[in-house]
Amino acid sequence: MKKFFLIFFSLLCLILLIWAGFFPFQKTFSAQDIILATTTSLYDTGLLDRLIEVFERQSGVKVKIIACGTGEALRMGRKGEADLLLVHAPELEAEFMASGHGLCRHEIMFSRFVIVGPENDPAGIRGLNFPEAFARIAHSRTPFISRADFSGTHFLERKIWEKAGIKPGGRWYLESQQGMAEALIMAAEKEAYLLTDFPTYSRFRSRLNLIVLASDNNYRNIYSIIIPRSVLQLGSEEATRKLWAFLFSPKSREIIASFGYETSTEPPLHSPLISGPGDNKK
């Protein structure tokens, strides 16, 4: 009898393991715990830590932040692996919504993109717009660091190369396949040019031998929040909408506008967008 019980128990464990392999859990958090998938550039600034700290204290909801590229964050939203997305590639976001993967989307804030590089500016890009600067870098074959990670910044970089009429490649074009902070460090080490958001550069600039050489008002760094449709199956919609509401609240806008604001002579790192989301479904 004892032998029969051991065999039965072993078979039961085997069946459960096989079942788990074929049907993995998408999330193991409770309905009061949510996952926020966001960009490395935004996470590296420290702004999200400040926002989530205030939200958790007010709401009692726990938030796990996963920093990745925008492309990966959108994939997580499609697969039911995240409850809220904070991303910055408008065209990819529009495709996500048009494919029916999102419940709602709204722009929340913006910052600016810049091109940084060595102070001696070997390619001579200082003051140029982005397509002109990229063309100078390519023609001079001066080292350039690409994120190459399907992030929002990488998506924009590819658009600028296309606008400049250049297909980059060769020994001068270096791929980091890493987040924004790591790409900045690599650019400093290689004395290379890099397209970056200004807030992340601002946080790390004291450690870098890089300066801002070009900016372009035609390329704003706009962040949007998306609630994926998968939250309806995950049972986390209520907690997710609490975070959504907080991020568009006056308190959140105050934190965004004042974060990293050191002197009255410098513009704020991030600017909250004025309009509230309502029931907007872009």
Protein backbone atom coordinates (compact mmCIF):
# COMPACT_ATOMS: atom_id res chain seq x y z
CA MET A 1 0.00 0.00 0.00
CA LYS A 2 2.82 2.37 0.90
CA LYS A 3 4.57 1.57 -2.37
CA PHE A 4 1.35 2.24 -4.32
CA PHE A 5 0.95 5.62 -2.56
CA LEU A 6 4.52 6.66 -3.43
CA ILE A 7 4.02 5.74 -7.09
CA PHE A 8 0.70 7.65 -7.18
CA PHE A 9 2.26 10.70 -5.52
CA SER A 10 5.21 10.67 -7.95
CA LEU A 11 2.87 10.48 -10.95
CA LEU A 12 0.80 13.35 -9.58
CA CYS A 13 3.88 15.53 -9.18
CA LEU A 14 4.99 14.69 -12.72
CA ILE A 15 1.58 15.64 -14.12
CA LEU A 16 1.64 18.96 -12.25
CA LEU A 17 5.12 19.77 -13.56
CA ILE A 18 4.09 19.00 -17.14
CA TRP A 19 0.94 21.10 -16.71
CA ALA A 20 3.00 24.03 -15.43
CA GLY A 21 5.31 23.74 -18.42
CA PHE A 22 2.50 23.88 -20.94
CA PHE A 23 0.41 26.48 -19.12
CA PRO A 24 2.78 28.91 -17.38
CA PHE A 25 1.29 31.63 -15.25
CA GLN A 26 1.42 35.01 -16.89
CA LYS A 27 1.53 36.77 -13.53
CA THR A 28 1.92 35.56 -9.97
CA PHE A 29 1.04 38.86 -8.30
CA SER A 30 -2.26 39.47 -6.54
CA ALA A 31 -4.89 41.84 -7.94
CA GLN A 32 -3.44 44.54 -5.66
CA ASP A 33 0.05 44.14 -7.15
CA ILE A 34 0.71 45.41 -10.65
CA ILE A 35 3.55 45.38 -13.15
CA LEU A 36 4.59 48.58 -14.92
CA ALA A 37 6.69 48.01 -18.05
CA THR A 38 8.58 51.12 -19.05
CA THR A 39 11.59 52.42 -20.93
CA THR A 40 15.14 52.30 -19.60
CA SER A 41 15.58 55.98 -20.47
CA LEU A 42 12.73 57.03 -18.20
CA TYR A 43 13.65 54.59 -15.44
CA ASP A 44 17.30 55.68 -15.42
CA THR A 45 16.33 59.27 -14.61
CA GLY A 46 14.91 58.27 -11.20
CA LEU A 47 11.58 59.99 -11.86
CA LEU A 48 9.54 56.79 -11.77
CA ASP A 49 10.93 55.76 -8.40
CA ARG A 50 9.70 59.07 -6.98
CA LEU A 51 6.23 58.77 -8.56
CA ILE A 52 5.71 55.15 -7.52
CA GLU A 53 6.89 55.84 -3.98
CA VAL A 54 4.13 58.43 -3.54
CA PHE A 55 1.50 56.26 -5.27
CA GLU A 56 2.21 53.18 -3.16
CA ARG A 57 2.04 55.20 0.04
CA GLN A 58 -1.32 56.71 -0.95
CA SER A 59 -3.01 53.66 -2.46
CA GLY A 60 -1.57 50.57 -0.77
CA VAL A 61 -1.03 49.06 -4.25
CA LYS A 62 2.43 47.60 -4.87
CA VAL A 63 4.06 48.28 -8.23
CA LYS A 64 6.87 46.27 -9.80
CA ILE A 65 8.77 48.29 -12.42
CA ILE A 66 10.32 46.43 -15.35
CA ALA A 67 12.68 48.65 -17.36
CA CYS A 68 13.12 47.59 -20.98
CA GLY A 69 12.84 49.02 -24.47
CA THR A 70 9.50 50.26 -25.77
CA GLY A 71 9.31 47.34 -28.20
CA GLU A 72 9.73 44.85 -25.35
CA ALA A 73 7.21 46.72 -23.16
CA LEU A 74 4.60 46.54 -25.93
CA ARG A 75 5.32 42.83 -26.37
CA MET A 76 4.73 42.33 -22.63
CA GLY A 77 1.42 44.14 -22.98
CA ARG A 78 0.34 41.87 -25.82
CA LYS A 79 1.32 38.73 -23.89
CA GLY A 80 -0.40 39.72 -20.62
CA GLU A 81 2.90 40.12 -18.79
CA ALA A 82 2.35 43.74 -17.72
CA ASP A 83 -0.60 45.74 -16.41
CA LEU A 84 0.49 49.22 -17.51
CA LEU A 85 2.90 50.46 -20.17
CA LEU A 86 4.80 53.76 -20.11
CA VAL A 87 6.43 54.08 -23.51
CA HIS A 88 7.71 56.62 -26.06
CA ALA A 89 7.31 55.47 -29.67
CA PRO A 90 4.03 56.99 -30.95
CA GLU A 91 3.92 55.04 -34.22
CA LEU A 92 4.44 51.68 -32.48
CA GLU A 93 1.87 52.63 -29.84
CA ALA A 94 -0.67 53.49 -32.55
CA GLU A 95 -0.12 50.05 -34.11
CA PHE A 96 -0.60 48.44 -30.69
CA MET A 97 -3.93 50.22 -30.22
CA ALA A 98 -5.12 49.62 -33.81
CA SER A 99 -4.47 45.88 -33.35
CA GLY A 100 -6.88 45.85 -30.40
CA HIS A 101 -4.26 45.16 -27.72
CA GLY A 102 -4.93 48.30 -25.69
CA LEU A 103 -7.91 49.54 -23.69
CA CYS A 104 -6.75 53.16 -23.57
CA ARG A 105 -3.73 55.31 -24.32
CA HIS A 106 -2.87 58.89 -23.46
CA GLU A 107 0.19 61.10 -23.65
CA ILE A 108 1.45 62.14 -20.20
CA MET A 109 4.66 64.16 -20.58
CA PHE A 110 7.58 64.98 -22.82
CA SER A 111 11.29 65.70 -22.65
CA ARG A 112 13.81 66.42 -25.36
CA PHE A 113 16.23 64.34 -27.35
CA VAL A 114 19.80 65.52 -27.87
CA ILE A 115 22.94 64.29 -29.60
CA VAL A 116 25.92 64.14 -27.29
CA GLY A 117 29.54 63.61 -28.18
CA PRO A 118 33.17 64.59 -27.47
CA GLU A 119 33.79 68.26 -26.72
CA ASN A 120 36.15 68.61 -29.70
CA ASP A 121 33.24 67.52 -31.99
CA PRO A 122 35.32 65.77 -34.69
CA ALA A 123 32.38 65.48 -37.11
CA GLY A 124 31.43 69.15 -36.74
CA ILE A 125 27.75 68.65 -35.84
CA ARG A 126 27.41 71.45 -33.29
CA GLY A 127 24.12 73.31 -33.75
CA LEU A 128 22.87 71.20 -36.67
CA ASN A 129 19.45 69.56 -36.85
CA PHE A 130 19.35 65.80 -36.34
CA PRO A 131 19.31 64.60 -40.00
CA GLU A 132 22.17 66.99 -40.88
CA ALA A 133 24.14 65.89 -37.81
CA PHE A 134 23.67 62.21 -38.64
CA ALA A 135 24.83 62.84 -42.21
CA ARG A 136 28.00 64.57 -40.97
CA ILE A 137 28.74 61.71 -38.56
CA ALA A 138 28.30 59.09 -41.29
CA HIS A 139 30.40 60.95 -43.86
CA SER A 140 33.22 61.52 -41.37
CA ARG A 141 32.94 57.90 -40.17
CA THR A 142 33.24 59.12 -36.58
CA PRO A 143 32.15 56.52 -33.97
CA PHE A 144 28.41 56.51 -33.28
CA ILE A 145 26.67 54.37 -30.65
CA SER A 146 23.28 52.88 -31.51
CA ARG A 147 21.01 51.47 -28.84
CA ALA A 148 20.09 48.67 -31.30
CA ASP A 149 17.57 47.28 -28.84
CA PHE A 150 14.16 48.08 -30.43
CA SER A 151 13.62 50.82 -27.85
CA GLY A 152 11.79 54.06 -28.55
CA THR A 153 15.13 55.84 -28.85
CA HIS A 154 16.39 53.23 -31.30
CA PHE A 155 13.15 53.51 -33.30
CA LEU A 156 13.67 57.29 -33.55
CA GLU A 157 17.31 56.86 -34.51
CA ARG A 158 16.32 54.66 -37.44
CA LYS A 159 13.79 57.28 -38.57
CA ILE A 160 16.48 59.97 -38.54
CA TRP A 161 18.90 57.86 -40.57
CA GLU A 162 16.10 57.29 -43.08
CA LYS A 163 15.37 61.03 -43.19
CA ALA A 164 19.07 61.67 -43.80
CA GLY A 165 19.03 59.13 -46.65
CA ILE A 166 21.71 56.98 -45.04
CA LYS A 167 21.86 53.29 -44.20
CA PRO A 168 24.43 53.18 -41.37
CA GLY A 169 26.98 50.42 -41.11
CA GLY A 170 30.68 49.74 -40.83
CA ARG A 171 33.28 49.87 -38.08
CA TRP A 172 32.24 53.38 -36.99
CA TYR A 173 28.63 52.29 -36.28
CA LEU A 174 28.65 50.52 -32.91
CA GLU A 175 25.65 48.71 -31.40
CA SER A 176 25.29 48.68 -27.61
CA GLN A 177 22.10 46.56 -27.36
CA GLN A 178 21.73 48.00 -23.87
CA GLY A 179 19.76 50.62 -21.96
CA MET A 180 20.29 54.38 -22.11
CA ALA A 181 22.66 54.66 -19.15
CA GLU A 182 24.87 51.85 -20.45
CA ALA A 183 24.88 53.38 -23.94
CA LEU A 184 26.02 56.72 -22.49
CA ILE A 185 28.89 55.04 -20.67
CA MET A 186 29.88 53.21 -23.86
CA ALA A 187 29.80 56.49 -25.83
CA ALA A 188 32.07 58.11 -23.25
CA GLU A 189 34.51 55.22 -23.40
CA LYS A 190 34.60 55.21 -27.22
CA GLU A 191 34.52 59.04 -27.54
CA ALA A 192 31.51 58.54 -29.76
CA TYR A 193 28.29 60.34 -30.65
CA LEU A 194 24.96 59.16 -29.25
CA LEU A 195 21.27 60.06 -29.55
CA THR A 196 19.88 60.24 -26.01
CA ASP A 197 17.07 61.75 -24.01
CA PHE A 198 18.32 64.80 -22.13
CA PRO A 199 17.06 63.77 -18.63
CA THR A 200 19.12 60.56 -18.58
CA TYR A 201 22.18 62.39 -19.86
CA SER A 202 21.64 65.09 -17.23
CA ARG A 203 21.66 62.53 -14.43
CA PHE A 204 24.95 60.98 -15.54
CA ARG A 205 26.79 63.90 -17.17
CA SER A 206 29.13 64.54 -14.25
CA ARG A 207 30.68 61.10 -14.92
CA LEU A 208 30.88 61.50 -18.70
CA ASN A 209 33.30 63.25 -21.04
CA LEU A 210 30.37 64.10 -23.33
CA ILE A 211 28.57 67.38 -24.02
CA VAL A 212 25.31 68.27 -25.78
CA LEU A 213 26.10 69.21 -29.37
CA ALA A 214 22.74 69.19 -31.13
CA SER A 215 19.02 69.30 -30.39
CA ASP A 216 16.02 69.43 -32.71
CA ASN A 217 12.55 70.69 -31.86
CA ASN A 218 11.08 68.46 -34.58
CA TYR A 219 11.81 65.40 -32.43
CA ARG A 220 10.14 65.64 -29.03
CA ASN A 221 10.40 62.72 -26.63
CA ILE A 222 6.71 62.10 -25.88
CA TYR A 223 5.75 59.50 -23.27
CA SER A 224 2.36 57.79 -23.26
CA ILE A 225 0.58 55.47 -20.85
CA ILE A 226 -1.29 52.42 -22.16
CA ILE A 227 -3.55 50.00 -20.32
CA PRO A 228 -3.34 46.67 -22.20
CA ARG A 229 -6.57 44.79 -22.85
CA SER A 230 -5.07 41.77 -21.06
CA VAL A 231 -5.76 43.36 -17.64
CA LEU A 232 -9.38 42.25 -18.09
CA GLN A 233 -8.23 38.62 -17.87
CA LEU A 234 -5.55 39.24 -15.25
CA GLY A 235 -8.01 40.67 -12.70
CA SER A 236 -5.83 43.73 -12.13
CA GLU A 237 -7.89 46.40 -13.89
CA GLU A 238 -9.01 48.17 -10.71
CA ALA A 239 -5.48 48.55 -9.30
CA THR A 240 -4.15 49.49 -12.74
CA ARG A 241 -6.71 52.26 -13.15
CA LYS A 242 -5.76 53.62 -9.72
CA LEU A 243 -2.19 54.07 -10.98
CA TRP A 244 -3.46 55.53 -14.26
CA ALA A 245 -5.55 58.09 -12.35
CA PHE A 246 -2.64 58.98 -10.06
CA LEU A 247 -0.22 59.55 -12.94
CA PHE A 248 -2.59 62.16 -14.38
CA SER A 249 -3.34 63.76 -11.00
CA PRO A 250 -2.20 67.27 -9.98
CA LYS A 251 0.24 65.69 -7.49
CA SER A 252 1.87 63.62 -10.21
CA ARG A 253 2.14 66.61 -12.55
CA GLU A 254 3.78 68.60 -9.77
CA ILE A 255 6.39 65.86 -9.24
CA ILE A 256 7.04 65.56 -12.99
CA ALA A 257 7.45 69.30 -13.49
CA SER A 258 9.77 69.82 -10.53
CA PHE A 259 11.89 66.66 -10.78
CA GLY A 260 15.56 67.44 -11.35
CA TYR A 261 14.81 71.15 -11.64
CA GLU A 262 17.99 72.67 -10.23
CA THR A 263 18.11 76.28 -11.41
CA SER A 264 15.68 78.80 -12.87
CA THR A 265 18.00 79.24 -15.85
CA GLU A 266 17.54 75.66 -17.06
CA PRO A 267 14.31 74.20 -18.46
CA PRO A 268 12.72 71.33 -16.48
CA LEU A 269 13.81 67.83 -17.41
CA HIS A 270 10.24 66.68 -18.09
CA SER A 271 7.12 68.68 -18.92
CA PRO A 272 3.69 67.25 -18.05
CA LEU A 273 1.08 67.53 -20.76
CA ILE A 274 -1.83 69.68 -19.69
CA SER A 275 -4.91 67.81 -20.89
CA GLY A 276 -6.32 64.96 -18.81
CA PRO A 277 -7.11 61.57 -20.35
CA GLY A 278 -10.83 61.29 -19.70
CA ASP A 279 -12.04 58.33 -21.70
CA ASN A 280 -9.60 59.00 -24.52
CA LYS A 281 -8.78 55.89 -26.59
CA LYS A 282 -6.15 56.88 -29.10
